[in-house]
All heavy atoms as atom14 arrays in JSON, in Angstrom:
{
  "sequence": "PEPEDDEYYWLDLEGLSVINLDGITLGVVDSIMETGANDVLVV",
  "atom14_mask": [
    [1, 1, 1, 1, 1, 1, 1, 0, 0, 0, 0, 0, 0, 0],
    [1, 1, 1, 1, 1, 1, 1, 1, 1, 0, 0, 0, 0, 0],
    [1, 1, 1, 1, 1, 1, 1, 0, 0, 0, 0, 0, 0, 0],
    [1, 1, 1, 1, 1, 1, 1, 1, 1, 0, 0, 0, 0, 0],
    [1, 1, 1, 1, 1, 1, 1, 1, 0, 0, 0, 0, 0, 0],
    [1, 1, 1, 1, 1, 1, 1, 1, 0, 0, 0, 0, 0, 0],
    [1, 1, 1, 1, 1, 1, 1, 1, 1, 0, 0, 0, 0, 0],
    [1, 1, 1, 1, 1, 1, 1, 1, 1, 1, 1, 1, 0, 0],
    [1, 1, 1, 1, 1, 1, 1, 1, 1, 1, 1, 1, 0, 0],
    [1, 1, 1, 1, 1, 1, 1, 1, 1, 1, 1, 1, 1, 1],
    [1, 1, 1, 1, 1, 1, 1, 1, 0, 0, 0, 0, 0, 0],
    [1, 1, 1, 1, 1, 1, 1, 1, 0, 0, 0, 0, 0, 0],
    [1, 1, 1, 1, 1, 1, 1, 1, 0, 0, 0, 0, 0, 0],
    [1, 1, 1, 1, 1, 1, 1, 1, 1, 0, 0, 0, 0, 0],
    [1, 1, 1, 1, 0, 0, 0, 0, 0, 0, 0, 0, 0, 0],
    [1, 1, 1, 1, 1, 1, 1, 1, 0, 0, 0, 0, 0, 0],
    [1, 1, 1, 1, 1, 1, 0, 0, 0, 0, 0, 0, 0, 0],
    [1, 1, 1, 1, 1, 1, 1, 0, 0, 0, 0, 0, 0, 0],
    [1, 1, 1, 1, 1, 1, 1, 1, 0, 0, 0, 0, 0, 0],
    [1, 1, 1, 1, 1, 1, 1, 1, 0, 0, 0, 0, 0, 0],
    [1, 1, 1, 1, 1, 1, 1, 1, 0, 0, 0, 0, 0, 0],
    [1, 1, 1, 1, 1, 1, 1, 1, 0, 0, 0, 0, 0, 0],
    [1, 1, 1, 1, 0, 0, 0, 0, 0, 0, 0, 0, 0, 0],
    [1, 1, 1, 1, 1, 1, 1, 1, 0, 0, 0, 0, 0, 0],
    [1, 1, 1, 1, 1, 1, 1, 0, 0, 0, 0, 0, 0, 0],
    [1, 1, 1, 1, 1, 1, 1, 1, 0, 0, 0, 0, 0, 0],
    [1, 1, 1, 1, 0, 0, 0, 0, 0, 0, 0, 0, 0, 0],
    [1, 1, 1, 1, 1, 1, 1, 0, 0, 0, 0, 0, 0, 0],
    [1, 1, 1, 1, 1, 1, 1, 0, 0, 0, 0, 0, 0, 0],
    [1, 1, 1, 1, 1, 1, 1, 1, 0, 0, 0, 0, 0, 0],
    [1, 1, 1, 1, 1, 1, 0, 0, 0, 0, 0, 0, 0, 0],
    [1, 1, 1, 1, 1, 1, 1, 1, 0, 0, 0, 0, 0, 0],
    [1, 1, 1, 1, 1, 1, 1, 1, 0, 0, 0, 0, 0, 0],
    [1, 1, 1, 1, 1, 1, 1, 1, 1, 0, 0, 0, 0, 0],
    [1, 1, 1, 1, 1, 1, 1, 0, 0, 0, 0, 0, 0, 0],
    [1, 1, 1, 1, 0, 0, 0, 0, 0, 0, 0, 0, 0, 0],
    [1, 1, 1, 1, 1, 0, 0, 0, 0, 0, 0, 0, 0, 0],
    [1, 1, 1, 1, 1, 1, 1, 1, 0, 0, 0, 0, 0, 0],
    [1, 1, 1, 1, 1, 1, 1, 1, 0, 0, 0, 0, 0, 0],
    [1, 1, 1, 1, 1, 1, 1, 0, 0, 0, 0, 0, 0, 0],
    [1, 1, 1, 1, 1, 1, 1, 1, 0, 0, 0, 0, 0, 0],
    [1, 1, 1, 1, 1, 1, 1, 0, 0, 0, 0, 0, 0, 0],
    [1, 1, 1, 1, 1, 1, 1, 0, 0, 0, 0, 0, 0, 0]
  ],
  "atom14_positions": [
    [[60.37, 11.93, 86.6], [58.87, 12.0, 86.64], [58.31, 11.56, 85.28], [59.08, 11.67, 84.27], [58.52, 13.48, 86.85], [59.8, 14.24, 86.49], [60.92, 13.31, 86.63], [0.0, 0.0, 0.0], [0.0, 0.0, 0.0], [0.0, 0.0, 0.0], [0.0, 0.0, 0.0], [0.0, 0.0, 0.0], [0.0, 0.0, 0.0], [0.0, 0.0, 0.0]],
    [[57.16, 10.98, 85.36], [56.55, 10.55, 84.12], [56.21, 11.8, 83.22], [55.71, 12.8, 83.74], [55.24, 9.77, 84.4], [55.5, 8.29, 84.8], [56.2, 7.51, 83.82], [55.89, 7.48, 82.61], [57.2, 6.81, 84.16], [0.0, 0.0, 0.0], [0.0, 0.0, 0.0], [0.0, 0.0, 0.0], [0.0, 0.0, 0.0], [0.0, 0.0, 0.0]],
    [[56.51, 11.72, 81.91], [56.27, 12.88, 81.07], [54.7, 12.91, 80.88], [53.98, 11.93, 80.95], [56.96, 12.58, 79.74], [57.18, 11.08, 79.77], [57.21, 10.66, 81.25], [0.0, 0.0, 0.0], [0.0, 0.0, 0.0], [0.0, 0.0, 0.0], [0.0, 0.0, 0.0], [0.0, 0.0, 0.0], [0.0, 0.0, 0.0], [0.0, 0.0, 0.0]],
    [[54.27, 14.14, 80.56], [52.84, 14.37, 80.22], [52.51, 13.67, 78.93], [53.4, 13.32, 78.14], [52.53, 15.84, 80.19], [52.84, 16.55, 81.46], [51.86, 16.32, 82.55], [50.65, 16.06, 82.26], [52.24, 16.22, 83.72], [0.0, 0.0, 0.0], [0.0, 0.0, 0.0], [0.0, 0.0, 0.0], [0.0, 0.0, 0.0], [0.0, 0.0, 0.0]],
    [[51.23, 13.57, 78.59], [50.84, 13.0, 77.31], [51.49, 13.83, 76.16], [51.48, 15.06, 76.3], [49.34, 13.03, 77.12], [48.66, 11.97, 78.01], [49.3, 11.09, 78.46], [47.44, 12.15, 78.3], [0.0, 0.0, 0.0], [0.0, 0.0, 0.0], [0.0, 0.0, 0.0], [0.0, 0.0, 0.0], [0.0, 0.0, 0.0], [0.0, 0.0, 0.0]],
    [[51.9, 13.23, 75.18], [52.56, 13.86, 74.01], [53.88, 14.62, 74.41], [54.28, 15.5, 73.69], [51.6, 14.83, 73.29], [50.46, 14.1, 72.64], [50.7, 12.93, 72.24], [49.34, 14.62, 72.57], [0.0, 0.0, 0.0], [0.0, 0.0, 0.0], [0.0, 0.0, 0.0], [0.0, 0.0, 0.0], [0.0, 0.0, 0.0], [0.0, 0.0, 0.0]],
    [[54.48, 14.29, 75.55], [55.8, 14.79, 75.91], [56.72, 13.55, 75.98], [56.32, 12.45, 76.35], [55.78, 15.53, 77.22], [55.11, 16.85, 77.21], [55.25, 17.59, 78.56], [55.65, 16.97, 79.49], [54.9, 18.78, 78.5], [0.0, 0.0, 0.0], [0.0, 0.0, 0.0], [0.0, 0.0, 0.0], [0.0, 0.0, 0.0], [0.0, 0.0, 0.0]],
    [[57.97, 13.8, 75.61], [58.99, 12.72, 75.56], [60.31, 13.19, 76.1], [60.65, 14.31, 75.89], [59.19, 12.13, 74.14], [57.84, 11.84, 73.51], [57.1, 12.66, 72.72], [57.33, 10.49, 73.68], [55.93, 12.32, 72.22], [56.12, 10.22, 73.1], [55.4, 11.05, 72.38], [54.21, 10.73, 71.84], [0.0, 0.0, 0.0], [0.0, 0.0, 0.0]],
    [[61.02, 12.32, 76.75], [62.4, 12.54, 77.1], [63.26, 12.25, 75.88], [62.97, 11.32, 75.11], [62.86, 11.72, 78.25], [62.25, 12.13, 79.61], [61.36, 11.3, 80.26], [62.61, 13.29, 80.2], [60.81, 11.67, 81.48], [62.11, 13.67, 81.44], [61.19, 12.91, 82.05], [60.72, 13.24, 83.26], [0.0, 0.0, 0.0], [0.0, 0.0, 0.0]],
    [[64.28, 13.08, 75.71], [65.17, 12.87, 74.53], [65.68, 11.47, 74.55], [65.78, 10.84, 73.53], [66.31, 13.89, 74.58], [65.95, 15.24, 74.11], [64.73, 15.82, 73.92], [66.84, 16.34, 73.95], [64.83, 17.12, 73.59], [66.16, 17.49, 73.55], [68.2, 16.41, 73.97], [66.74, 18.7, 73.21], [68.86, 17.59, 73.63], [68.07, 18.7, 73.25]],
    [[66.02, 10.94, 75.66], [66.65, 9.64, 75.68], [65.66, 8.58, 75.21], [66.09, 7.5, 74.75], [67.14, 9.24, 77.15], [66.14, 9.1, 78.2], [66.0, 7.61, 78.6], [66.5, 9.85, 79.45], [0.0, 0.0, 0.0], [0.0, 0.0, 0.0], [0.0, 0.0, 0.0], [0.0, 0.0, 0.0], [0.0, 0.0, 0.0], [0.0, 0.0, 0.0]],
    [[64.31, 8.83, 75.26], [63.36, 7.85, 74.77], [63.29, 7.96, 73.26], [62.8, 6.93, 72.63], [61.99, 8.17, 75.35], [61.94, 7.87, 76.81], [62.72, 7.05, 77.35], [61.06, 8.45, 77.55], [0.0, 0.0, 0.0], [0.0, 0.0, 0.0], [0.0, 0.0, 0.0], [0.0, 0.0, 0.0], [0.0, 0.0, 0.0], [0.0, 0.0, 0.0]],
    [[63.61, 9.04, 72.65], [63.56, 9.23, 71.2], [64.75, 8.71, 70.49], [64.69, 8.23, 69.37], [63.34, 10.7, 70.86], [62.04, 11.31, 71.4], [61.99, 12.79, 70.91], [60.82, 10.55, 71.03], [0.0, 0.0, 0.0], [0.0, 0.0, 0.0], [0.0, 0.0, 0.0], [0.0, 0.0, 0.0], [0.0, 0.0, 0.0], [0.0, 0.0, 0.0]],
    [[65.93, 8.8, 71.17], [67.19, 8.31, 70.61], [67.12, 6.83, 70.32], [66.68, 6.07, 71.2], [68.38, 8.67, 71.49], [68.64, 10.12, 71.53], [69.76, 10.56, 72.51], [70.23, 9.7, 73.23], [70.04, 11.77, 72.53], [0.0, 0.0, 0.0], [0.0, 0.0, 0.0], [0.0, 0.0, 0.0], [0.0, 0.0, 0.0], [0.0, 0.0, 0.0]],
    [[67.45, 6.42, 69.11], [67.37, 5.03, 68.67], [66.12, 4.6, 67.99], [66.05, 3.49, 67.47], [0.0, 0.0, 0.0], [0.0, 0.0, 0.0], [0.0, 0.0, 0.0], [0.0, 0.0, 0.0], [0.0, 0.0, 0.0], [0.0, 0.0, 0.0], [0.0, 0.0, 0.0], [0.0, 0.0, 0.0], [0.0, 0.0, 0.0], [0.0, 0.0, 0.0]],
    [[65.16, 5.48, 67.96], [63.93, 5.14, 67.25], [64.1, 5.26, 65.72], [64.84, 6.14, 65.24], [62.75, 6.09, 67.65], [62.26, 6.05, 69.08], [61.06, 7.0, 69.3], [61.95, 4.69, 69.5], [0.0, 0.0, 0.0], [0.0, 0.0, 0.0], [0.0, 0.0, 0.0], [0.0, 0.0, 0.0], [0.0, 0.0, 0.0], [0.0, 0.0, 0.0]],
    [[63.41, 4.38, 64.99], [63.46, 4.45, 63.53], [62.59, 5.55, 63.07], [61.53, 5.82, 63.58], [62.88, 3.15, 62.96], [63.77, 2.06, 63.25], [0.0, 0.0, 0.0], [0.0, 0.0, 0.0], [0.0, 0.0, 0.0], [0.0, 0.0, 0.0], [0.0, 0.0, 0.0], [0.0, 0.0, 0.0], [0.0, 0.0, 0.0], [0.0, 0.0, 0.0]],
    [[63.1, 6.25, 62.04], [62.37, 7.47, 61.43], [61.82, 6.96, 60.06], [62.69, 6.64, 59.19], [63.22, 8.66, 61.36], [62.46, 9.81, 60.75], [63.68, 9.07, 62.8], [0.0, 0.0, 0.0], [0.0, 0.0, 0.0], [0.0, 0.0, 0.0], [0.0, 0.0, 0.0], [0.0, 0.0, 0.0], [0.0, 0.0, 0.0], [0.0, 0.0, 0.0]],
    [[60.55, 7.1, 59.86], [59.93, 6.65, 58.63], [59.07, 7.83, 58.1], [58.36, 8.46, 58.88], [59.03, 5.42, 58.87], [59.82, 4.29, 59.52], [58.31, 4.94, 57.57], [59.07, 3.18, 60.1], [0.0, 0.0, 0.0], [0.0, 0.0, 0.0], [0.0, 0.0, 0.0], [0.0, 0.0, 0.0], [0.0, 0.0, 0.0], [0.0, 0.0, 0.0]],
    [[59.18, 8.08, 56.83], [58.33, 9.12, 56.27], [56.91, 8.67, 56.02], [56.64, 7.47, 56.11], [59.0, 9.86, 55.11], [58.95, 9.14, 53.82], [58.44, 8.01, 53.7], [59.54, 9.75, 52.82], [0.0, 0.0, 0.0], [0.0, 0.0, 0.0], [0.0, 0.0, 0.0], [0.0, 0.0, 0.0], [0.0, 0.0, 0.0], [0.0, 0.0, 0.0]],
    [[56.08, 9.61, 55.59], [54.62, 9.3, 55.28], [54.46, 8.3, 54.17], [53.44, 7.61, 54.04], [53.86, 10.54, 55.0], [53.72, 11.52, 56.15], [53.09, 12.82, 55.72], [53.05, 10.89, 57.34], [0.0, 0.0, 0.0], [0.0, 0.0, 0.0], [0.0, 0.0, 0.0], [0.0, 0.0, 0.0], [0.0, 0.0, 0.0], [0.0, 0.0, 0.0]],
    [[55.48, 8.1, 53.26], [55.42, 7.18, 52.21], [55.97, 5.81, 52.58], [56.04, 4.93, 51.8], [56.2, 7.69, 50.98], [55.62, 8.91, 50.36], [54.43, 9.08, 50.33], [56.44, 9.81, 49.96], [0.0, 0.0, 0.0], [0.0, 0.0, 0.0], [0.0, 0.0, 0.0], [0.0, 0.0, 0.0], [0.0, 0.0, 0.0], [0.0, 0.0, 0.0]],
    [[56.34, 5.64, 53.89], [56.81, 4.39, 54.41], [58.21, 4.16, 54.12], [58.82, 3.02, 54.37], [0.0, 0.0, 0.0], [0.0, 0.0, 0.0], [0.0, 0.0, 0.0], [0.0, 0.0, 0.0], [0.0, 0.0, 0.0], [0.0, 0.0, 0.0], [0.0, 0.0, 0.0], [0.0, 0.0, 0.0], [0.0, 0.0, 0.0], [0.0, 0.0, 0.0]],
    [[59.03, 5.14, 53.77], [60.49, 5.0, 53.52], [61.19, 5.27, 54.76], [61.02, 6.29, 55.51], [60.97, 6.0, 52.42], [60.2, 5.73, 51.12], [62.51, 5.96, 52.24], [60.39, 6.8, 50.05], [0.0, 0.0, 0.0], [0.0, 0.0, 0.0], [0.0, 0.0, 0.0], [0.0, 0.0, 0.0], [0.0, 0.0, 0.0], [0.0, 0.0, 0.0]],
    [[62.04, 4.3, 55.17], [62.89, 4.44, 56.34], [64.0, 5.39, 56.1], [64.79, 5.14, 55.16], [63.35, 3.09, 56.84], [62.37, 2.22, 57.13], [64.26, 3.27, 58.11], [0.0, 0.0, 0.0], [0.0, 0.0, 0.0], [0.0, 0.0, 0.0], [0.0, 0.0, 0.0], [0.0, 0.0, 0.0], [0.0, 0.0, 0.0], [0.0, 0.0, 0.0]],
    [[64.08, 6.47, 56.9], [65.11, 7.49, 56.7], [66.33, 7.22, 57.61], [67.4, 7.77, 57.28], [64.6, 8.89, 56.98], [63.39, 9.28, 56.18], [62.87, 10.64, 56.67], [63.66, 9.28, 54.73], [0.0, 0.0, 0.0], [0.0, 0.0, 0.0], [0.0, 0.0, 0.0], [0.0, 0.0, 0.0], [0.0, 0.0, 0.0], [0.0, 0.0, 0.0]],
    [[66.19, 6.48, 58.59], [67.3, 6.11, 59.47], [66.87, 6.04, 60.93], [65.64, 5.79, 61.26], [0.0, 0.0, 0.0], [0.0, 0.0, 0.0], [0.0, 0.0, 0.0], [0.0, 0.0, 0.0], [0.0, 0.0, 0.0], [0.0, 0.0, 0.0], [0.0, 0.0, 0.0], [0.0, 0.0, 0.0], [0.0, 0.0, 0.0], [0.0, 0.0, 0.0]],
    [[67.75, 6.25, 61.85], [67.52, 6.18, 63.26], [67.94, 7.55, 63.96], [68.91, 8.12, 63.54], [68.36, 5.02, 63.87], [68.32, 4.91, 65.32], [67.94, 3.72, 63.22], [0.0, 0.0, 0.0], [0.0, 0.0, 0.0], [0.0, 0.0, 0.0], [0.0, 0.0, 0.0], [0.0, 0.0, 0.0], [0.0, 0.0, 0.0], [0.0, 0.0, 0.0]],
    [[67.15, 7.88, 64.95], [67.5, 9.09, 65.71], [68.8, 8.91, 66.45], [68.9, 8.0, 67.33], [66.37, 9.54, 66.69], [66.85, 10.76, 67.54], [65.11, 9.79, 65.98], [0.0, 0.0, 0.0], [0.0, 0.0, 0.0], [0.0, 0.0, 0.0], [0.0, 0.0, 0.0], [0.0, 0.0, 0.0], [0.0, 0.0, 0.0], [0.0, 0.0, 0.0]],
    [[69.85, 9.58, 66.09], [71.2, 9.44, 66.66], [71.27, 10.37, 67.88], [71.79, 9.99, 68.94], [72.26, 9.79, 65.67], [73.65, 9.63, 66.26], [74.03, 8.49, 66.59], [74.35, 10.72, 66.45], [0.0, 0.0, 0.0], [0.0, 0.0, 0.0], [0.0, 0.0, 0.0], [0.0, 0.0, 0.0], [0.0, 0.0, 0.0], [0.0, 0.0, 0.0]],
    [[70.75, 11.57, 67.78], [70.83, 12.52, 68.89], [69.82, 13.64, 68.56], [69.11, 13.58, 67.48], [72.2, 13.13, 69.05], [72.6, 13.77, 67.82], [0.0, 0.0, 0.0], [0.0, 0.0, 0.0], [0.0, 0.0, 0.0], [0.0, 0.0, 0.0], [0.0, 0.0, 0.0], [0.0, 0.0, 0.0], [0.0, 0.0, 0.0], [0.0, 0.0, 0.0]],
    [[69.69, 14.54, 69.5], [68.79, 15.65, 69.37], [69.57, 16.97, 69.69], [70.24, 16.99, 70.71], [67.54, 15.52, 70.26], [66.79, 14.19, 69.86], [66.56, 16.73, 70.06], [65.71, 13.84, 70.85], [0.0, 0.0, 0.0], [0.0, 0.0, 0.0], [0.0, 0.0, 0.0], [0.0, 0.0, 0.0], [0.0, 0.0, 0.0], [0.0, 0.0, 0.0]],
    [[69.45, 17.94, 68.8], [70.11, 19.23, 69.05], [69.16, 20.25, 69.48], [68.07, 20.35, 68.99], [70.74, 19.73, 67.73], [71.86, 18.93, 67.2], [72.72, 19.8, 65.8], [71.42, 20.21, 64.69], [0.0, 0.0, 0.0], [0.0, 0.0, 0.0], [0.0, 0.0, 0.0], [0.0, 0.0, 0.0], [0.0, 0.0, 0.0], [0.0, 0.0, 0.0]],
    [[69.58, 21.03, 70.51], [68.79, 22.1, 71.0], [69.19, 23.34, 70.26], [70.42, 23.7, 70.29], [69.02, 22.28, 72.52], [68.05, 23.24, 73.15], [68.19, 23.28, 74.64], [69.05, 22.48, 75.19], [67.5, 23.99, 75.29], [0.0, 0.0, 0.0], [0.0, 0.0, 0.0], [0.0, 0.0, 0.0], [0.0, 0.0, 0.0], [0.0, 0.0, 0.0]],
    [[68.32, 24.04, 69.49], [68.77, 25.15, 68.63], [68.2, 26.46, 69.2], [68.56, 27.49, 68.67], [68.29, 24.93, 67.21], [66.86, 24.95, 67.2], [68.83, 23.67, 66.63], [0.0, 0.0, 0.0], [0.0, 0.0, 0.0], [0.0, 0.0, 0.0], [0.0, 0.0, 0.0], [0.0, 0.0, 0.0], [0.0, 0.0, 0.0], [0.0, 0.0, 0.0]],
    [[67.32, 26.43, 70.13], [66.71, 27.68, 70.64], [65.28, 27.83, 70.16], [64.38, 27.96, 70.95], [0.0, 0.0, 0.0], [0.0, 0.0, 0.0], [0.0, 0.0, 0.0], [0.0, 0.0, 0.0], [0.0, 0.0, 0.0], [0.0, 0.0, 0.0], [0.0, 0.0, 0.0], [0.0, 0.0, 0.0], [0.0, 0.0, 0.0], [0.0, 0.0, 0.0]],
    [[65.12, 27.74, 68.82], [63.8, 27.87, 68.22], [63.07, 26.57, 68.32], [62.04, 26.41, 69.02], [63.85, 28.34, 66.85], [0.0, 0.0, 0.0], [0.0, 0.0, 0.0], [0.0, 0.0, 0.0], [0.0, 0.0, 0.0], [0.0, 0.0, 0.0], [0.0, 0.0, 0.0], [0.0, 0.0, 0.0], [0.0, 0.0, 0.0], [0.0, 0.0, 0.0]],
    [[63.61, 25.51, 67.71], [63.01, 24.13, 67.67], [64.18, 23.16, 67.89], [65.25, 23.39, 67.36], [62.36, 23.85, 66.35], [61.17, 24.73, 66.08], [60.23, 24.84, 66.93], [61.13, 25.35, 64.94], [0.0, 0.0, 0.0], [0.0, 0.0, 0.0], [0.0, 0.0, 0.0], [0.0, 0.0, 0.0], [0.0, 0.0, 0.0], [0.0, 0.0, 0.0]],
    [[63.9, 22.11, 68.65], [64.83, 21.07, 68.71], [64.92, 20.37, 67.34], [63.97, 20.45, 66.59], [64.46, 20.06, 69.79], [64.46, 20.7, 71.16], [65.21, 21.65, 71.41], [63.7, 20.19, 72.02], [0.0, 0.0, 0.0], [0.0, 0.0, 0.0], [0.0, 0.0, 0.0], [0.0, 0.0, 0.0], [0.0, 0.0, 0.0], [0.0, 0.0, 0.0]],
    [[66.03, 19.7, 67.07], [66.19, 19.13, 65.74], [66.63, 17.66, 66.0], [67.6, 17.39, 66.71], [67.3, 19.88, 64.91], [67.61, 19.13, 63.61], [66.82, 21.31, 64.7], [0.0, 0.0, 0.0], [0.0, 0.0, 0.0], [0.0, 0.0, 0.0], [0.0, 0.0, 0.0], [0.0, 0.0, 0.0], [0.0, 0.0, 0.0], [0.0, 0.0, 0.0]],
    [[65.97, 16.72, 65.34], [66.36, 15.31, 65.36], [67.55, 15.16, 64.37], [67.49, 15.54, 63.18], [65.2, 14.45, 64.9], [63.87, 14.45, 65.74], [62.89, 13.54, 65.09], [64.08, 14.04, 67.14], [0.0, 0.0, 0.0], [0.0, 0.0, 0.0], [0.0, 0.0, 0.0], [0.0, 0.0, 0.0], [0.0, 0.0, 0.0], [0.0, 0.0, 0.0]],
    [[68.61, 14.52, 64.82], [69.77, 14.17, 63.95], [69.46, 12.66, 63.65], [69.54, 11.81, 64.49], [71.08, 14.3, 64.69], [72.19, 13.85, 63.75], [71.25, 15.78, 65.14], [0.0, 0.0, 0.0], [0.0, 0.0, 0.0], [0.0, 0.0, 0.0], [0.0, 0.0, 0.0], [0.0, 0.0, 0.0], [0.0, 0.0, 0.0], [0.0, 0.0, 0.0]],
    [[69.12, 12.44, 62.38], [68.73, 11.1, 61.91], [69.85, 10.53, 61.03], [70.25, 11.21, 60.02], [67.4, 11.16, 61.13], [67.03, 9.77, 60.64], [66.31, 11.78, 62.07], [0.0, 0.0, 0.0], [0.0, 0.0, 0.0], [0.0, 0.0, 0.0], [0.0, 0.0, 0.0], [0.0, 0.0, 0.0], [0.0, 0.0, 0.0], [0.0, 0.0, 0.0]]
  ]
}
């Protein structure tokens, strides 16, 4: 099903470039870990 606004499937986030507020590229989302409290991007 189509995700709601501001919702994403993990598979859509994997492979995205991660850039900080200063414009520095930190890497690419390799995977996402489910931790219970908050999911965590593995960059």
